[in-house]
């Protein structure tokens, strides 16, 4: 904690993150469901290892590459109940996704006018530099994910955006804002 406090002071202040945000994070394999994730939390407890946050790979969604941003009902039949149990265990979940939107996603049509010229895994790549797609995306996550249990959803991790050419849009891609990849 002292190192974080000193870093914040050196960089002009700022808020100290919550203690759980500096704690131990583990992640589950992509295809884990609610029961397996809860068993993972229980195993940490049984081994005496404190666990603050459990990362769920993009498989928490019913379509993950590209993403639907909707809970997979076969693996998470009752996401609100799952999140309540996670909260009861004093753990938070960190939900992983990639920013590419599946044609099956409820927000696909809303984001389509803001998509770049190229697809990734047959999903659109919205221009998140524009305020409207950011609002659409944030509202969807708030309504469909966070609102189920805001205390249990500790955060999101955006994955698959590190510039690896096998899954990123090409350098020639253009976006509605005028941004390009090059």
Foldseek 3Di string as FASTA:
>chain_A
DVVQQVVQVVVPHDDDDDPLVVDDEEEDDAQAALVRQVVVLVVCVVVVHDAAEYEHEQSQACDAQQGQLAGNCVRYVDVLVSLVVCVVSNHAYAYEGAQFHDPPHPCQVVQVVFFKPDHFSNGTRGPVVDPRVVVSVVVCCVVRPCVSDVVRHPYYHHDDPPPDVVGDDDQQIATPVRDGND
